[in-house]
Amino acid sequence: MMKLFLLPLLLIVTSCKKDEKVTYAESVSYPKPSAPALITKNFSYLALGDSYTVGQNVSASGTFPAQLSTSPQTGTHKWVAAPFTVIAQTGWTTDELISAIKNKNLSGTFDIVTLLIGVNNQYRGYSTTTYRTEFIELLNIAIAYAGGDKTRMFVLSIPDWGVTPYAQHQDKAKIAKEIDAFNAINKQETENAGISYTDITQISRMAEGNRSLIADDGLHPSAGMYKLWVDKLAPKVIARLQN
């Protein structure tokens, strides 16, 4: 009698458990954890140079100083330079940049200073000896705007415009050789001064097989090219801003 009574009960309990299991799996959901809010910090930024700093034929937000001004970010912090200061113009050589800085007569110092200059010295056939002298002067001016702190200074190499459509009928090998000679000077003087140097020349040469890296004028970098520069430079800037 006892065995006959327990068998139906066991079947009922088993059936309930199966039903409960299905119902439980279908009804339970887990909330996704929210990402922690970034702490925003401001920094002051001065960009010195020529058309590569101006961002010829690129939107204001696409230039490399503009992208750098908002790119420094870690898992907890984001740094923003708004506004940032630019002293640069298309066509400027080292002596013209020196004159423009003096005429601007900026006051105060900056948390970050970048310098990219020399392509027009090469383009006009100017002396590398003169370039060295004037580049050293620009380094000293930039260091002063960095409050005498060389760790706030960042120099970028000269891009190779010989790979662009603009130079298709020119001697690209000669242009590359001359660009390399000017870059050998700015790299040597930058490192001698104990300042950070970022080589973006090899990145610029990627444009030979990628038209999207060139602006509509067929000569200057696109916003996409500038992003590649900033991707290489930003970690160095972040390391300095964290200190």
C-alpha atoms as a PDB file:
ATOM      1  CA  MET A   1       0.000   0.000   0.000  1.00  0.00           C
ATOM      2  CA  MET A   2       2.818   2.409   0.899  1.00  0.00           C
ATOM      3  CA  LYS A   3       4.693   1.856  -2.375  1.00  0.00           C
ATOM      4  CA  LEU A   4       1.619   2.428  -4.484  1.00  0.00           C
ATOM      5  CA  PHE A   5       0.955   5.709  -2.725  1.00  0.00           C
ATOM      6  CA  LEU A   6       4.531   7.104  -3.103  1.00  0.00           C
ATOM      7  CA  LEU A   7       4.872   6.500  -6.843  1.00  0.00           C
ATOM      8  CA  PRO A   8       2.275   9.080  -7.981  1.00  0.00           C
ATOM      9  CA  LEU A   9       3.644  11.582  -5.473  1.00  0.00           C
ATOM     10  CA  LEU A  10       7.159  11.177  -6.842  1.00  0.00           C
ATOM     11  CA  LEU A  11       5.925  11.810 -10.370  1.00  0.00           C
ATOM     12  CA  ILE A  12       4.157  14.980  -9.247  1.00  0.00           C
ATOM     13  CA  VAL A  13       7.259  16.323  -7.483  1.00  0.00           C
ATOM     14  CA  THR A  14       9.465  15.541 -10.515  1.00  0.00           C
ATOM     15  CA  SER A  15       7.039  17.272 -12.835  1.00  0.00           C
ATOM     16  CA  CYS A  16       6.987  20.372 -10.647  1.00  0.00           C
ATOM     17  CA  LYS A  17      10.746  20.579 -10.567  1.00  0.00           C
ATOM     18  CA  LYS A  18      10.952  20.442 -14.338  1.00  0.00           C
ATOM     19  CA  ASP A  19       8.378  23.196 -14.652  1.00  0.00           C
ATOM     20  CA  GLU A  20      10.141  25.337 -12.041  1.00  0.00           C
ATOM     21  CA  LYS A  21      13.479  24.962 -13.808  1.00  0.00           C
ATOM     22  CA  VAL A  22      12.108  26.189 -17.136  1.00  0.00           C
ATOM     23  CA  THR A  23      10.219  29.082 -15.529  1.00  0.00           C
ATOM     24  CA  TYR A  24      13.293  30.157 -13.513  1.00  0.00           C
ATOM     25  CA  ALA A  25      15.633  30.169 -16.502  1.00  0.00           C
ATOM     26  CA  GLU A  26      13.254  32.245 -18.575  1.00  0.00           C
ATOM     27  CA  SER A  27      12.478  34.882 -15.942  1.00  0.00           C
ATOM     28  CA  VAL A  28      15.864  35.764 -14.392  1.00  0.00           C
ATOM     29  CA  SER A  29      17.967  38.578 -15.948  1.00  0.00           C
ATOM     30  CA  TYR A  30      21.169  40.227 -14.734  1.00  0.00           C
ATOM     31  CA  PRO A  31      21.777  43.995 -15.065  1.00  0.00           C
ATOM     32  CA  LYS A  32      24.899  45.015 -16.995  1.00  0.00           C
ATOM     33  CA  PRO A  33      27.464  46.893 -14.887  1.00  0.00           C
ATOM     34  CA  SER A  34      27.769  50.536 -15.882  1.00  0.00           C
ATOM     35  CA  ALA A  35      31.171  51.886 -16.945  1.00  0.00           C
ATOM     36  CA  PRO A  36      32.785  54.252 -14.448  1.00  0.00           C
ATOM     37  CA  ALA A  37      32.573  57.921 -15.401  1.00  0.00           C
ATOM     38  CA  LEU A  38      35.803  59.432 -16.699  1.00  0.00           C
ATOM     39  CA  ILE A  39      37.367  62.234 -14.697  1.00  0.00           C
ATOM     40  CA  THR A  40      37.992  65.137 -17.098  1.00  0.00           C
ATOM     41  CA  LYS A  41      41.047  67.326 -16.630  1.00  0.00           C
ATOM     42  CA  ASN A  42      42.103  70.352 -18.642  1.00  0.00           C
ATOM     43  CA  PHE A  43      45.556  71.051 -20.025  1.00  0.00           C
ATOM     44  CA  SER A  44      47.013  73.962 -21.966  1.00  0.00           C
ATOM     45  CA  TYR A  45      48.544  73.228 -25.370  1.00  0.00           C
ATOM     46  CA  LEU A  46      50.656  75.220 -27.845  1.00  0.00           C
ATOM     47  CA  ALA A  47      51.240  73.848 -31.370  1.00  0.00           C
ATOM     48  CA  LEU A  48      54.030  75.377 -33.477  1.00  0.00           C
ATOM     49  CA  GLY A  49      54.611  74.645 -37.156  1.00  0.00           C
ATOM     50  CA  ASP A  50      53.480  75.055 -40.749  1.00  0.00           C
ATOM     51  CA  SER A  51      50.707  73.593 -42.943  1.00  0.00           C
ATOM     52  CA  TYR A  52      51.002  70.208 -41.251  1.00  0.00           C
ATOM     53  CA  THR A  53      50.023  71.871 -37.982  1.00  0.00           C
ATOM     54  CA  VAL A  54      47.379  74.135 -39.512  1.00  0.00           C
ATOM     55  CA  GLY A  55      45.788  71.137 -41.214  1.00  0.00           C
ATOM     56  CA  GLN A  56      45.504  72.456 -44.758  1.00  0.00           C
ATOM     57  CA  ASN A  57      42.303  71.250 -46.489  1.00  0.00           C
ATOM     58  CA  VAL A  58      41.139  69.448 -43.334  1.00  0.00           C
ATOM     59  CA  SER A  59      38.249  70.370 -41.048  1.00  0.00           C
ATOM     60  CA  ALA A  60      39.097  72.232 -37.851  1.00  0.00           C
ATOM     61  CA  SER A  61      38.383  69.139 -35.780  1.00  0.00           C
ATOM     62  CA  GLY A  62      40.494  66.896 -38.028  1.00  0.00           C
ATOM     63  CA  THR A  63      43.884  68.592 -37.635  1.00  0.00           C
ATOM     64  CA  PHE A  64      46.486  66.848 -35.541  1.00  0.00           C
ATOM     65  CA  PRO A  65      46.502  69.531 -32.790  1.00  0.00           C
ATOM     66  CA  ALA A  66      42.695  69.345 -32.593  1.00  0.00           C
ATOM     67  CA  GLN A  67      42.746  65.557 -32.353  1.00  0.00           C
ATOM     68  CA  LEU A  68      45.560  65.628 -29.807  1.00  0.00           C
ATOM     69  CA  SER A  69      43.656  68.155 -27.713  1.00  0.00           C
ATOM     70  CA  THR A  70      40.927  65.601 -26.978  1.00  0.00           C
ATOM     71  CA  SER A  71      42.654  62.234 -27.351  1.00  0.00           C
ATOM     72  CA  PRO A  72      44.660  61.767 -24.110  1.00  0.00           C
ATOM     73  CA  GLN A  73      42.643  59.219 -22.153  1.00  0.00           C
ATOM     74  CA  THR A  74      43.163  56.338 -19.723  1.00  0.00           C
ATOM     75  CA  GLY A  75      40.652  54.050 -18.071  1.00  0.00           C
ATOM     76  CA  THR A  76      39.839  56.669 -15.448  1.00  0.00           C
ATOM     77  CA  HIS A  77      40.897  60.058 -16.840  1.00  0.00           C
ATOM     78  CA  LYS A  78      40.409  62.139 -19.976  1.00  0.00           C
ATOM     79  CA  TRP A  79      42.436  65.269 -20.704  1.00  0.00           C
ATOM     80  CA  VAL A  80      41.085  68.078 -22.859  1.00  0.00           C
ATOM     81  CA  ALA A  81      42.781  71.234 -24.146  1.00  0.00           C
ATOM     82  CA  ALA A  82      40.012  73.681 -24.939  1.00  0.00           C
ATOM     83  CA  PRO A  83      40.917  75.994 -26.405  1.00  0.00           C
ATOM     84  CA  PHE A  84      44.435  75.233 -27.632  1.00  0.00           C
ATOM     85  CA  THR A  85      46.832  77.721 -29.236  1.00  0.00           C
ATOM     86  CA  VAL A  86      48.310  77.361 -32.728  1.00  0.00           C
ATOM     87  CA  ILE A  87      51.102  79.425 -34.263  1.00  0.00           C
ATOM     88  CA  ALA A  88      51.461  77.980 -37.742  1.00  0.00           C
ATOM     89  CA  GLN A  89      50.792  78.829 -41.368  1.00  0.00           C
ATOM     90  CA  THR A  90      51.002  77.049 -44.692  1.00  0.00           C
ATOM     91  CA  GLY A  91      54.356  77.691 -46.359  1.00  0.00           C
ATOM     92  CA  TRP A  92      56.287  78.778 -43.298  1.00  0.00           C
ATOM     93  CA  THR A  93      59.962  77.962 -42.985  1.00  0.00           C
ATOM     94  CA  THR A  94      61.913  77.958 -39.713  1.00  0.00           C
ATOM     95  CA  ASP A  95      62.831  81.662 -39.943  1.00  0.00           C
ATOM     96  CA  GLU A  96      59.222  82.645 -40.680  1.00  0.00           C
ATOM     97  CA  LEU A  97      57.968  80.652 -37.705  1.00  0.00           C
ATOM     98  CA  ILE A  98      60.524  82.330 -35.460  1.00  0.00           C
ATOM     99  CA  SER A  99      59.366  85.770 -36.639  1.00  0.00           C
ATOM    100  CA  ALA A 100      55.703  84.876 -36.204  1.00  0.00           C
ATOM    101  CA  ILE A 101      56.247  83.661 -32.637  1.00  0.00           C
ATOM    102  CA  LYS A 102      58.049  86.862 -31.746  1.00  0.00           C
ATOM    103  CA  ASN A 103      55.301  88.979 -33.309  1.00  0.00           C
ATOM    104  CA  LYS A 104      52.631  86.997 -31.491  1.00  0.00           C
ATOM    105  CA  ASN A 105      54.284  87.842 -28.182  1.00  0.00           C
ATOM    106  CA  LEU A 106      52.458  85.153 -26.210  1.00  0.00           C
ATOM    107  CA  SER A 107      52.543  85.357 -22.445  1.00  0.00           C
ATOM    108  CA  GLY A 108      52.490  82.499 -19.985  1.00  0.00           C
ATOM    109  CA  THR A 109      53.476  78.864 -20.345  1.00  0.00           C
ATOM    110  CA  PHE A 110      51.805  75.662 -21.525  1.00  0.00           C
ATOM    111  CA  ASP A 111      51.463  72.126 -20.220  1.00  0.00           C
ATOM    112  CA  ILE A 112      52.214  70.671 -23.659  1.00  0.00           C
ATOM    113  CA  VAL A 113      54.114  72.163 -26.633  1.00  0.00           C
ATOM    114  CA  THR A 114      54.540  70.486 -30.032  1.00  0.00           C
ATOM    115  CA  LEU A 115      56.899  71.507 -32.839  1.00  0.00           C
ATOM    116  CA  LEU A 116      56.830  70.297 -36.445  1.00  0.00           C
ATOM    117  CA  ILE A 117      58.763  72.427 -38.960  1.00  0.00           C
ATOM    118  CA  GLY A 118      61.111  72.123 -41.914  1.00  0.00           C
ATOM    119  CA  VAL A 119      59.290  70.834 -44.986  1.00  0.00           C
ATOM    120  CA  ASN A 120      59.292  74.271 -46.623  1.00  0.00           C
ATOM    121  CA  ASN A 121      63.006  74.649 -45.942  1.00  0.00           C
ATOM    122  CA  GLN A 122      63.466  71.475 -47.968  1.00  0.00           C
ATOM    123  CA  TYR A 123      60.940  72.497 -50.633  1.00  0.00           C
ATOM    124  CA  ARG A 124      62.637  75.852 -51.229  1.00  0.00           C
ATOM    125  CA  GLY A 125      66.100  74.314 -51.304  1.00  0.00           C
ATOM    126  CA  TYR A 126      67.291  76.100 -48.163  1.00  0.00           C
ATOM    127  CA  SER A 127      70.540  75.211 -46.453  1.00  0.00           C
ATOM    128  CA  THR A 128      70.536  72.366 -43.932  1.00  0.00           C
ATOM    129  CA  THR A 129      73.145  74.302 -41.956  1.00  0.00           C
ATOM    130  CA  THR A 130      70.778  77.240 -41.577  1.00  0.00           C
ATOM    131  CA  TYR A 131      67.971  74.852 -40.730  1.00  0.00           C
ATOM    132  CA  ARG A 132      70.001  73.389 -37.876  1.00  0.00           C
ATOM    133  CA  THR A 133      70.716  76.835 -36.404  1.00  0.00           C
ATOM    134  CA  GLU A 134      67.119  78.000 -36.661  1.00  0.00           C
ATOM    135  CA  PHE A 135      65.702  74.693 -35.438  1.00  0.00           C
ATOM    136  CA  ILE A 136      67.839  74.925 -32.299  1.00  0.00           C
ATOM    137  CA  GLU A 137      66.500  78.449 -31.764  1.00  0.00           C
ATOM    138  CA  LEU A 138      62.941  77.151 -32.107  1.00  0.00           C
ATOM    139  CA  LEU A 139      63.644  74.389 -29.606  1.00  0.00           C
ATOM    140  CA  ASN A 140      64.801  76.973 -27.075  1.00  0.00           C
ATOM    141  CA  ILE A 141      61.751  79.161 -27.717  1.00  0.00           C
ATOM    142  CA  ALA A 142      59.449  76.166 -27.318  1.00  0.00           C
ATOM    143  CA  ILE A 143      61.160  75.078 -24.104  1.00  0.00           C
ATOM    144  CA  ALA A 144      60.572  78.554 -22.693  1.00  0.00           C
ATOM    145  CA  TYR A 145      56.854  78.251 -23.501  1.00  0.00           C
ATOM    146  CA  ALA A 146      56.914  74.892 -21.727  1.00  0.00           C
ATOM    147  CA  GLY A 147      58.057  76.686 -18.588  1.00  0.00           C
ATOM    148  CA  GLY A 148      61.607  75.436 -19.001  1.00  0.00           C
ATOM    149  CA  ASP A 149      60.385  71.850 -18.553  1.00  0.00           C
ATOM    150  CA  LYS A 150      61.654  69.759 -21.466  1.00  0.00           C
ATOM    151  CA  THR A 151      59.324  66.906 -20.585  1.00  0.00           C
ATOM    152  CA  ARG A 152      56.428  69.076 -21.795  1.00  0.00           C
ATOM    153  CA  MET A 153      57.998  69.376 -25.262  1.00  0.00           C
ATOM    154  CA  PHE A 154      57.268  67.066 -28.194  1.00  0.00           C
ATOM    155  CA  VAL A 155      58.908  67.276 -31.613  1.00  0.00           C
ATOM    156  CA  LEU A 156      57.521  65.524 -34.691  1.00  0.00           C
ATOM    157  CA  SER A 157      59.555  64.621 -37.776  1.00  0.00           C
ATOM    158  CA  ILE A 158      58.880  66.110 -41.216  1.00  0.00           C
ATOM    159  CA  PRO A 159      56.454  64.065 -43.392  1.00  0.00           C
ATOM    160  CA  ASP A 160      57.484  62.973 -46.892  1.00  0.00           C
ATOM    161  CA  TRP A 161      55.340  64.868 -49.406  1.00  0.00           C
ATOM    162  CA  GLY A 162      57.113  63.053 -52.251  1.00  0.00           C
ATOM    163  CA  VAL A 163      54.658  60.143 -51.979  1.00  0.00           C
ATOM    164  CA  THR A 164      51.625  62.346 -52.663  1.00  0.00           C
ATOM    165  CA  PRO A 165      49.819  62.765 -56.001  1.00  0.00           C
ATOM    166  CA  TYR A 166      51.083  66.368 -56.037  1.00  0.00           C
ATOM    167  CA  ALA A 167      54.635  65.060 -56.520  1.00  0.00           C
ATOM    168  CA  GLN A 168      53.834  62.470 -59.185  1.00  0.00           C
ATOM    169  CA  HIS A 169      55.946  64.216 -61.832  1.00  0.00           C
ATOM    170  CA  GLN A 170      58.837  65.033 -59.507  1.00  0.00           C
ATOM    171  CA  ASP A 171      61.894  63.104 -58.362  1.00  0.00           C
ATOM    172  CA  LYS A 172      60.432  61.233 -55.401  1.00  0.00           C
ATOM    173  CA  ALA A 173      63.717  59.593 -54.456  1.00  0.00           C
ATOM    174  CA  LYS A 174      65.424  62.995 -54.284  1.00  0.00           C
ATOM    175  CA  ILE A 175      62.624  64.417 -52.140  1.00  0.00           C
ATOM    176  CA  ALA A 176      62.802  61.453 -49.769  1.00  0.00           C
ATOM    177  CA  LYS A 177      66.578  61.763 -49.468  1.00  0.00           C
ATOM    178  CA  GLU A 178      66.361  65.476 -48.676  1.00  0.00           C
ATOM    179  CA  ILE A 179      63.525  64.982 -46.177  1.00  0.00           C
ATOM    180  CA  ASP A 180      65.620  62.333 -44.445  1.00  0.00           C
ATOM    181  CA  ALA A 181      68.570  64.735 -44.261  1.00  0.00           C
ATOM    182  CA  PHE A 182      66.464  67.448 -42.593  1.00  0.00           C
ATOM    183  CA  ASN A 183      64.972  64.883 -40.231  1.00  0.00           C
ATOM    184  CA  ALA A 184      68.420  63.623 -39.280  1.00  0.00           C
ATOM    185  CA  ILE A 185      69.156  67.161 -38.101  1.00  0.00           C
ATOM    186  CA  ASN A 186      65.957  67.761 -36.151  1.00  0.00           C
ATOM    187  CA  LYS A 187      66.176  64.325 -34.540  1.00  0.00           C
ATOM    188  CA  GLN A 188      69.784  64.809 -33.491  1.00  0.00           C
ATOM    189  CA  GLU A 189      69.186  68.272 -32.026  1.00  0.00           C
ATOM    190  CA  THR A 190      65.963  67.188 -30.310  1.00  0.00           C
ATOM    191  CA  GLU A 191      67.602  64.199 -28.653  1.00  0.00           C
ATOM    192  CA  ASN A 192      70.698  66.232 -27.740  1.00  0.00           C
ATOM    193  CA  ALA A 193      68.368  68.619 -25.918  1.00  0.00           C
ATOM    194  CA  GLY A 194      66.717  65.724 -24.054  1.00  0.00           C
ATOM    195  CA  ILE A 195      63.321  66.256 -25.693  1.00  0.00           C
ATOM    196  CA  SER A 196      60.811  63.655 -26.893  1.00  0.00           C
ATOM    197  CA  TYR A 197      60.986  62.915 -30.624  1.00  0.00           C
ATOM    198  CA  THR A 198      58.213  61.194 -32.595  1.00  0.00           C
ATOM    199  CA  ASP A 199      58.977  59.892 -36.090  1.00  0.00           C
ATOM    200  CA  ILE A 200      55.857  60.186 -38.228  1.00  0.00           C
ATOM    201  CA  THR A 201      57.744  60.191 -41.550  1.00  0.00           C
ATOM    202  CA  GLN A 202      57.316  56.464 -42.100  1.00  0.00           C
ATOM    203  CA  ILE A 203      53.601  56.805 -41.378  1.00  0.00           C
ATOM    204  CA  SER A 204      53.381  59.595 -43.960  1.00  0.00           C
ATOM    205  CA  ARG A 205      54.899  57.281 -46.567  1.00  0.00           C
ATOM    206  CA  MET A 206      51.961  54.908 -46.157  1.00  0.00           C
ATOM    207  CA  ALA A 207      49.982  57.429 -48.221  1.00  0.00           C
ATOM    208  CA  GLU A 208      51.702  56.203 -51.390  1.00  0.00           C
ATOM    209  CA  GLY A 209      49.371  53.219 -51.405  1.00  0.00           C
ATOM    210  CA  ASN A 210      46.427  54.711 -49.578  1.00  0.00           C
ATOM    211  CA  ARG A 211      44.714  57.764 -51.085  1.00  0.00           C
ATOM    212  CA  SER A 212      42.454  58.111 -48.021  1.00  0.00           C
ATOM    213  CA  LEU A 213      45.467  59.378 -46.086  1.00  0.00           C
ATOM    214  CA  ILE A 214      45.750  62.437 -48.357  1.00  0.00           C
ATOM    215  CA  ALA A 215      43.531  65.533 -48.289  1.00  0.00           C
ATOM    216  CA  ASP A 216      41.504  66.617 -51.321  1.00  0.00           C
ATOM    217  CA  ASP A 217      44.324  68.885 -52.538  1.00  0.00           C
ATOM    218  CA  GLY A 218      46.483  65.834 -53.258  1.00  0.00           C
ATOM    219  CA  LEU A 219      49.315  67.097 -51.065  1.00  0.00           C
ATOM    220  CA  HIS A 220      48.475  67.495 -47.391  1.00  0.00           C
ATOM    221  CA  PRO A 221      47.506  64.811 -44.862  1.00  0.00           C
ATOM    222  CA  SER A 222      43.880  63.846 -44.332  1.00  0.00           C
ATOM    223  CA  ALA A 223      42.238  63.658 -40.914  1.00  0.00           C
ATOM    224  CA  GLY A 224      42.829  59.907 -41.096  1.00  0.00           C
ATOM    225  CA  MET A 225      46.560  60.446 -41.505  1.00  0.00           C
ATOM    226  CA  TYR A 226      46.580  62.896 -38.598  1.00  0.00           C
ATOM    227  CA  LYS A 227      44.877  60.296 -36.433  1.00  0.00           C
ATOM    228  CA  LEU A 228      47.741  57.884 -37.080  1.00  0.00           C
ATOM    229  CA  TRP A 229      50.186  60.560 -35.935  1.00  0.00           C
ATOM    230  CA  VAL A 230      48.169  61.261 -32.818  1.00  0.00           C
ATOM    231  CA  ASP A 231      47.871  57.555 -32.024  1.00  0.00           C
ATOM    232  CA  LYS A 232      51.667  57.437 -31.882  1.00  0.00           C
ATOM    233  CA  LEU A 233      52.137  60.725 -30.016  1.00  0.00           C
ATOM    234  CA  ALA A 234      49.254  60.584 -27.514  1.00  0.00           C
ATOM    235  CA  PRO A 235      50.699  57.880 -25.211  1.00  0.00           C
ATOM    236  CA  LYS A 236      53.769  60.061 -24.641  1.00  0.00           C
ATOM    237  CA  VAL A 237      51.585  63.066 -23.871  1.00  0.00           C
ATOM    238  CA  ILE A 238      49.425  61.001 -21.519  1.00  0.00           C
ATOM    239  CA  ALA A 239      52.521  59.832 -19.633  1.00  0.00           C
ATOM    240  CA  ARG A 240      53.524  63.460 -19.121  1.00  0.00           C
ATOM    241  CA  LEU A 241      50.055  64.640 -18.105  1.00  0.00           C
ATOM    242  CA  GLN A 242      49.800  61.866 -15.526  1.00  0.00           C
ATOM    243  CA  ASN A 243      52.884  63.144 -13.697  1.00  0.00           C
END
